[in-house]
Amino acid sequence: MSRPPSEPGTYAFIFRLEPGAYTVGALGAVELAGGQYLYVGSAFGPGALCSRVVRHWEGPGKRRWHLDYLQPRQPVVLWYTTDRRRREALWARVAAALPGAEPAVTGFGASDRPGATHLLRLASIPSLEDFRGRIMRRAPRHGPLAAWAGEDDSRKPDGEP
């Protein structure tokens, strides 16, 4: 597969970011440490997963989402599901419970959930298998998870960075 599916779903975008001050839309100025980050989002509108994750991977044209303001960044891997249920809040809670995960900016990507964040700084990148296991323990009827590592997704098997 050269691109994620054009179906709706939930995703976790893992990337590296240089330390610095970033201006993030209505959130304003935020200071972020360098390192590995995980952002949880969903794509249930036009273009669904394919257009959203390719946009995040390649970088934005026009800035629309909070993540668009974190440039430049280095993509690592993207995990996704085409589960038809909205799983974004669940994924964000599971990601926040990963060992060494720290909330990066309150409200980031979670404007509809006061006090929450969908952006986490990671001490290390978990395997897709570990993340999948954590999701399935909380939601046993959750749909399958898959990984995408850019145009040539065969170079990083099973979501490993």
Protein backbone atom coordinates (compact mmCIF):
# COMPACT_ATOMS: atom_id res chain seq x y z
CA MET A 1 0.00 0.00 0.00
CA SER A 2 1.49 3.36 -0.94
CA ARG A 3 -1.05 5.52 0.91
CA PRO A 4 -3.37 5.11 3.88
CA PRO A 5 -6.96 4.14 3.03
CA SER A 6 -9.54 6.71 1.98
CA GLU A 7 -11.82 5.60 4.78
CA PRO A 8 -12.65 7.48 7.99
CA GLY A 9 -10.78 6.64 11.16
CA THR A 10 -8.45 7.57 13.99
CA TYR A 11 -4.67 7.97 13.83
CA ALA A 12 -1.55 8.59 15.90
CA PHE A 13 1.19 10.54 14.13
CA ILE A 14 4.67 10.10 15.63
CA PHE A 15 7.32 12.65 14.70
CA ARG A 16 10.49 14.36 15.88
CA LEU A 17 10.55 18.05 16.65
CA GLU A 18 13.35 20.52 17.31
CA PRO A 19 13.16 22.53 20.55
CA GLY A 20 11.74 26.00 20.23
CA ALA A 21 8.90 28.47 20.50
CA TYR A 22 5.96 27.82 18.19
CA THR A 23 2.89 29.97 17.57
CA VAL A 24 -0.08 27.61 17.40
CA GLY A 25 -3.23 29.33 16.16
CA ALA A 26 -5.60 30.30 18.96
CA LEU A 27 -3.38 28.55 21.54
CA GLY A 28 -0.76 31.24 20.96
CA ALA A 29 2.93 30.87 21.76
CA VAL A 30 4.06 27.52 23.14
CA GLU A 31 7.55 26.39 24.11
CA LEU A 32 8.34 22.78 23.23
CA ALA A 33 11.34 20.68 24.14
CA GLY A 34 12.98 18.79 21.34
CA GLY A 35 12.27 15.11 21.01
CA GLN A 36 9.71 12.56 19.93
CA TYR A 37 6.03 13.45 19.93
CA LEU A 38 2.79 11.60 19.38
CA TYR A 39 -0.29 13.44 18.12
CA VAL A 40 -3.71 11.77 18.11
CA GLY A 41 -6.34 12.83 15.59
CA SER A 42 -9.32 11.62 13.65
CA ALA A 43 -10.41 12.00 10.06
CA PHE A 44 -14.10 11.48 9.46
CA GLY A 45 -14.62 14.23 6.87
CA PRO A 46 -13.92 14.49 3.13
CA GLY A 47 -10.80 12.62 2.07
CA ALA A 48 -10.83 10.75 5.38
CA LEU A 49 -7.58 9.18 6.61
CA CYS A 50 -5.69 9.38 3.33
CA SER A 51 -5.89 13.13 2.83
CA ARG A 52 -5.40 13.98 6.52
CA VAL A 53 -2.38 11.79 7.20
CA VAL A 54 -0.67 12.60 3.92
CA ARG A 55 -1.15 16.29 4.79
CA HIS A 56 0.44 15.74 8.22
CA TRP A 57 3.24 13.65 6.73
CA GLU A 58 4.15 16.04 3.94
CA GLY A 59 3.44 19.25 5.85
CA PRO A 60 0.65 21.71 5.36
CA GLY A 61 -0.04 24.29 2.76
CA LYS A 62 -2.53 26.46 4.60
CA ARG A 63 -2.49 26.08 8.38
CA ARG A 64 -5.77 24.68 9.64
CA TRP A 65 -5.08 22.17 12.43
CA HIS A 66 -2.92 22.74 15.52
CA LEU A 67 -0.41 20.21 14.19
CA ASP A 68 0.08 22.32 11.04
CA TYR A 69 1.91 24.93 13.15
CA LEU A 70 4.65 22.57 14.32
CA GLN A 71 7.08 22.97 11.45
CA PRO A 72 9.57 21.78 10.53
CA ARG A 73 9.09 18.29 11.90
CA GLN A 74 10.47 14.89 10.94
CA PRO A 75 7.82 12.18 10.46
CA VAL A 76 8.59 8.77 11.93
CA VAL A 77 5.49 6.60 11.61
CA LEU A 78 1.72 6.84 11.57
CA TRP A 79 -0.65 4.32 13.16
CA TYR A 80 -4.30 4.24 12.18
CA THR A 81 -7.57 2.38 12.35
CA THR A 82 -10.58 2.45 10.07
CA ASP A 83 -12.81 1.56 13.01
CA ARG A 84 -16.04 3.51 12.34
CA ARG A 85 -16.39 4.55 15.99
CA ARG A 86 -14.75 7.77 17.05
CA ARG A 87 -11.73 6.56 19.01
CA GLU A 88 -9.68 9.76 19.30
CA ALA A 89 -10.30 10.34 23.04
CA LEU A 90 -9.53 6.68 23.83
CA TRP A 91 -6.29 6.79 21.84
CA ALA A 92 -5.25 10.03 23.58
CA ARG A 93 -5.88 8.48 27.02
CA VAL A 94 -3.94 5.34 26.09
CA ALA A 95 -1.05 7.40 24.68
CA ALA A 96 -0.97 9.56 27.83
CA ALA A 97 -0.58 6.38 29.92
CA LEU A 98 2.49 5.18 27.96
CA PRO A 99 5.63 4.95 30.11
CA GLY A 100 7.48 8.26 29.94
CA ALA A 101 4.70 10.10 28.04
CA GLU A 102 4.20 13.73 29.07
CA PRO A 103 1.37 16.08 28.05
CA ALA A 104 2.93 18.73 25.81
CA VAL A 105 0.33 21.52 25.56
CA THR A 106 -3.10 21.58 27.20
CA GLY A 107 -5.81 22.00 24.57
CA PHE A 108 -3.58 20.99 21.66
CA GLY A 109 -5.76 19.11 19.18
CA ALA A 110 -8.44 18.80 21.84
CA SER A 111 -10.34 22.08 21.71
CA ASP A 112 -13.56 20.17 22.37
CA ARG A 113 -12.19 18.58 25.58
CA PRO A 114 -11.25 21.21 28.20
CA GLY A 115 -8.05 20.36 30.06
CA ALA A 116 -7.10 17.58 27.63
CA THR A 117 -4.33 17.34 25.05
CA HIS A 118 -3.76 15.18 22.00
CA LEU A 119 -0.05 16.02 21.83
CA LEU A 120 2.36 14.06 24.01
CA ARG A 121 6.12 14.07 24.30
CA LEU A 122 7.49 10.52 24.38
CA ALA A 123 10.53 9.23 26.23
CA SER A 124 10.63 6.39 23.70
CA ILE A 125 8.49 5.20 20.84
CA PRO A 126 6.45 2.13 21.71
CA SER A 127 5.92 -0.64 19.21
CA LEU A 128 2.64 -0.83 17.35
CA GLU A 129 2.06 -4.19 19.08
CA ASP A 130 2.37 -2.58 22.52
CA PHE A 131 0.03 0.28 21.59
CA ARG A 132 -2.43 -2.15 19.98
CA GLY A 133 -2.45 -4.29 23.14
CA ARG A 134 -3.17 -1.28 25.33
CA ILE A 135 -6.03 -0.20 23.04
CA MET A 136 -7.55 -3.68 22.91
CA ARG A 137 -7.49 -4.03 26.71
CA ARG A 138 -9.61 -0.87 26.96
CA ALA A 139 -11.81 -1.55 23.92
CA PRO A 140 -11.90 -5.28 23.07
CA ARG A 141 -14.22 -4.70 20.08
CA HIS A 142 -11.91 -2.07 18.56
CA GLY A 143 -11.13 -2.52 14.86
CA PRO A 144 -7.64 -3.48 13.63
CA LEU A 145 -4.68 -1.06 13.79
CA ALA A 146 -2.13 -0.64 11.03
CA ALA A 147 1.01 1.41 10.37
CA TRP A 148 2.14 3.66 7.54
CA ALA A 149 5.70 4.94 7.23
CA GLY A 150 5.43 7.18 4.20
CA GLU A 151 5.37 6.42 0.48
CA ASP A 152 7.44 3.26 0.87
CA ASP A 153 5.77 1.66 3.87
CA SER A 154 7.59 -1.64 3.37
CA ARG A 155 10.80 -0.30 4.93
CA LYS A 156 9.50 -0.24 8.52
CA PRO A 157 7.55 -3.39 9.34
CA ASP A 158 4.69 -3.32 11.87
CA GLY A 159 5.04 0.33 12.78
CA GLU A 160 8.56 0.20 14.10
CA PRO A 161 10.46 3.50 13.70
